[in-house]
Amino acid sequence: NNFRSSNIWYSYQNEIEILKLTPNYGYKSMAGTSVFIHGRNFWNSTDLKCTFGSTSVPAMFLSPKIVSCKSPLYNSTRTAESLAVSVSYYGDDYVRSWKDFHYFDLPQIESIEPVLGFSIVVMGRGFHNTLQIKCKLGQALVQARVINATTMTCKIPYHVHGGVDVRIYDQYTKYLLPYEGNS
């Protein structure tokens, strides 16, 4: 009888599936967009990483269905505008499931004009349907509707008669788009 016994532990983990990224974009000039990766079968590990293309960043386990990480800085010499995002454990143990993350130029606001007292039209450039842009009218936050790359509209909520401060806000990146005109 030439058999030896051994105490080797083996743990099977279900395959990870990435369902979506929230948000699935960031701005080229801003690193560190907090990205929540929604999926199935995540497990807690000190070696958990998110990989954006070929750049790995530390990740945080939140639950078996959510992992978070921060997007790396966009580098035009080596970074594509859309990158596959995956999750890895132990360095290079990559998951076969991924979703795309997009880098955009910061939107630019050129003018804000009221339309018949019911909505405002925001003119500029760099607007995308994937952006979670809101119009902040006084204290009210309303969803913007992107018409095309240069135009979006926002409905004006009811408010007391008089002027109101207008700002454009990205809900996910928490970025307040600059606008120096009269609003």
Protein backbone atom coordinates (compact mmCIF):
# COMPACT_ATOMS: atom_id res chain seq x y z
CA ASN A 1 0.00 0.00 0.00
CA ASN A 2 1.90 3.08 -1.29
CA PHE A 3 -0.78 5.78 -0.81
CA ARG A 4 -0.31 8.87 1.35
CA SER A 5 -3.00 11.01 2.82
CA SER A 6 -2.94 14.77 2.41
CA ASN A 7 -4.92 17.62 3.94
CA ILE A 8 -5.37 19.89 0.93
CA TRP A 9 -8.45 22.07 1.00
CA TYR A 10 -10.27 22.96 -2.16
CA SER A 11 -13.06 25.50 -2.31
CA TYR A 12 -15.31 25.79 -5.34
CA GLN A 13 -16.75 29.22 -6.15
CA ASN A 14 -19.58 29.76 -8.60
CA GLU A 15 -18.52 31.65 -11.71
CA ILE A 16 -18.89 35.41 -11.42
CA GLU A 17 -21.26 37.18 -13.77
CA ILE A 18 -21.11 40.95 -14.30
CA LEU A 19 -24.54 42.37 -15.15
CA LYS A 20 -23.98 46.14 -15.27
CA LEU A 21 -21.77 49.05 -14.23
CA THR A 22 -23.21 52.09 -12.44
CA PRO A 23 -22.18 54.47 -13.84
CA ASN A 24 -20.75 53.00 -17.02
CA TYR A 25 -18.86 56.22 -17.84
CA GLY A 26 -16.45 58.79 -16.48
CA TYR A 27 -14.81 61.95 -17.74
CA LYS A 28 -11.39 61.96 -19.40
CA SER A 29 -10.09 64.77 -17.21
CA MET A 30 -11.27 63.23 -13.93
CA ALA A 31 -9.93 60.05 -12.32
CA GLY A 32 -11.69 58.28 -9.54
CA THR A 33 -15.29 57.91 -10.67
CA SER A 34 -16.86 55.51 -8.15
CA VAL A 35 -18.10 52.55 -10.20
CA PHE A 36 -20.47 49.95 -8.75
CA ILE A 37 -20.23 46.59 -10.49
CA HIS A 38 -23.50 44.70 -10.19
CA GLY A 39 -23.47 40.97 -10.75
CA ARG A 40 -23.64 37.53 -9.18
CA ASN A 41 -21.34 35.37 -7.07
CA PHE A 42 -18.81 37.97 -5.90
CA TRP A 43 -16.92 36.91 -2.80
CA ASN A 44 -14.85 38.83 -0.29
CA SER A 45 -11.10 38.79 -0.79
CA THR A 46 -8.21 41.07 0.17
CA ASP A 47 -6.87 40.58 -3.38
CA LEU A 48 -10.03 41.80 -5.12
CA LYS A 49 -9.34 44.09 -8.11
CA CYS A 50 -11.23 45.76 -10.94
CA THR A 51 -9.49 45.85 -14.29
CA PHE A 52 -10.24 48.64 -16.80
CA GLY A 53 -8.68 47.44 -20.06
CA SER A 54 -5.21 46.51 -18.79
CA THR A 55 -5.15 48.78 -15.71
CA SER A 56 -6.01 47.15 -12.37
CA VAL A 57 -7.28 49.15 -9.39
CA PRO A 58 -8.22 48.02 -5.86
CA ALA A 59 -11.83 46.96 -5.41
CA MET A 60 -14.12 46.80 -2.40
CA PHE A 61 -16.49 43.90 -1.77
CA LEU A 62 -19.91 45.25 -0.76
CA SER A 63 -22.05 42.13 -1.15
CA PRO A 64 -22.23 38.93 -3.23
CA LYS A 65 -24.02 41.13 -5.82
CA ILE A 66 -21.97 44.39 -5.70
CA VAL A 67 -18.29 45.33 -5.90
CA SER A 68 -17.05 48.94 -6.10
CA CYS A 69 -13.88 50.52 -7.41
CA LYS A 70 -12.64 53.85 -8.76
CA SER A 71 -11.91 54.37 -12.45
CA PRO A 72 -8.29 55.07 -13.39
CA LEU A 73 -7.21 58.33 -15.01
CA TYR A 74 -7.74 58.43 -18.77
CA ASN A 75 -4.46 58.46 -20.71
CA SER A 76 -4.92 59.35 -24.39
CA THR A 77 -1.66 57.66 -25.41
CA ARG A 78 -2.63 54.25 -24.06
CA THR A 79 -6.31 54.30 -23.08
CA ALA A 80 -9.18 53.62 -25.46
CA GLU A 81 -12.39 55.62 -24.97
CA SER A 82 -14.24 52.37 -24.14
CA LEU A 83 -12.66 49.74 -21.91
CA ALA A 84 -13.77 46.29 -20.81
CA VAL A 85 -14.16 46.15 -17.02
CA SER A 86 -13.70 42.84 -15.23
CA VAL A 87 -13.09 41.65 -11.68
CA SER A 88 -10.12 39.59 -10.60
CA TYR A 89 -8.95 37.71 -7.54
CA TYR A 90 -5.35 36.83 -6.69
CA GLY A 91 -3.75 39.00 -9.33
CA ASP A 92 -4.59 37.50 -12.70
CA ASP A 93 -7.46 35.12 -12.08
CA TYR A 94 -9.80 37.02 -14.43
CA VAL A 95 -13.48 36.49 -14.77
CA ARG A 96 -14.88 35.75 -18.21
CA SER A 97 -17.68 38.26 -17.69
CA TRP A 98 -17.18 41.98 -18.41
CA LYS A 99 -18.99 45.22 -19.29
CA ASP A 100 -17.80 48.36 -21.09
CA PHE A 101 -16.82 51.59 -19.32
CA HIS A 102 -16.73 54.76 -21.46
CA TYR A 103 -14.58 57.88 -21.14
CA PHE A 104 -16.14 61.13 -22.36
CA ASP A 105 -14.92 64.71 -22.69
CA LEU A 106 -16.55 66.97 -20.11
CA PRO A 107 -19.79 68.42 -21.47
CA GLN A 108 -19.65 72.16 -22.09
CA ILE A 109 -22.57 74.52 -21.44
CA GLU A 110 -22.83 77.47 -23.85
CA SER A 111 -26.31 78.82 -23.11
CA ILE A 112 -29.43 78.18 -21.05
CA GLU A 113 -32.74 79.61 -22.28
CA PRO A 114 -36.33 79.32 -20.98
CA VAL A 115 -39.03 78.02 -23.36
CA LEU A 116 -42.62 79.23 -22.71
CA GLY A 117 -42.09 79.03 -18.95
CA PHE A 118 -42.38 75.23 -18.87
CA SER A 119 -38.86 74.09 -19.68
CA ILE A 120 -35.35 75.26 -20.38
CA VAL A 121 -33.12 74.45 -23.33
CA VAL A 122 -29.44 73.89 -22.58
CA MET A 123 -27.10 74.37 -25.54
CA GLY A 124 -23.50 73.22 -25.55
CA ARG A 125 -21.48 70.21 -26.63
CA GLY A 126 -20.57 66.74 -25.44
CA PHE A 127 -24.03 65.64 -24.27
CA HIS A 128 -24.66 61.86 -24.36
CA ASN A 129 -27.78 59.85 -23.62
CA THR A 130 -25.79 57.68 -21.20
CA LEU A 131 -24.97 60.63 -18.92
CA GLN A 132 -27.08 61.03 -15.80
CA ILE A 133 -27.44 64.79 -16.14
CA LYS A 134 -29.86 66.70 -13.95
CA CYS A 135 -30.87 70.34 -13.99
CA LYS A 136 -30.74 71.99 -10.60
CA LEU A 137 -33.27 74.82 -10.58
CA GLY A 138 -33.04 76.47 -7.18
CA GLN A 139 -33.34 73.52 -4.78
CA ALA A 140 -35.20 71.24 -7.23
CA LEU A 141 -33.34 68.54 -9.16
CA VAL A 142 -34.99 67.36 -12.41
CA GLN A 143 -33.81 64.88 -15.04
CA ALA A 144 -32.40 66.36 -18.23
CA ARG A 145 -33.51 64.96 -21.60
CA VAL A 146 -30.66 64.77 -24.10
CA ILE A 147 -31.89 65.66 -27.60
CA ASN A 148 -28.50 65.37 -29.32
CA ALA A 149 -24.80 66.07 -28.66
CA THR A 150 -25.44 69.84 -28.46
CA THR A 151 -28.97 70.17 -26.97
CA MET A 152 -30.82 69.01 -23.88
CA THR A 153 -34.00 70.14 -22.13
CA CYS A 154 -35.27 70.20 -18.55
CA LYS A 155 -38.83 70.71 -17.35
CA ILE A 156 -39.21 73.58 -14.93
CA PRO A 157 -40.79 72.43 -11.66
CA TYR A 158 -43.37 74.62 -9.96
CA HIS A 159 -41.78 77.37 -7.86
CA VAL A 160 -42.61 80.76 -6.43
CA HIS A 161 -42.67 83.56 -9.02
CA GLY A 162 -39.25 85.12 -9.64
CA GLY A 163 -35.77 84.18 -10.75
CA VAL A 164 -34.09 80.92 -9.90
CA ASP A 165 -30.45 79.83 -10.05
CA VAL A 166 -29.87 77.16 -12.76
CA ARG A 167 -27.04 74.62 -12.60
CA ILE A 168 -26.36 71.41 -14.53
CA TYR A 169 -25.29 68.44 -12.41
CA ASP A 170 -24.04 64.91 -13.18
CA GLN A 171 -25.78 62.62 -10.70
CA TYR A 172 -23.20 59.82 -10.79
CA THR A 173 -19.89 61.64 -10.92
CA LYS A 174 -21.21 64.43 -8.66
CA TYR A 175 -19.77 66.95 -11.10
CA LEU A 176 -21.36 70.38 -11.40
CA LEU A 177 -20.92 71.51 -15.01
CA PRO A 178 -19.53 75.03 -15.18
CA TYR A 179 -21.62 77.76 -16.75
CA GLU A 180 -20.71 81.43 -16.59
CA GLY A 181 -23.70 82.86 -18.44
CA ASN A 182 -26.81 84.49 -17.04
CA SER A 183 -29.37 82.01 -15.76
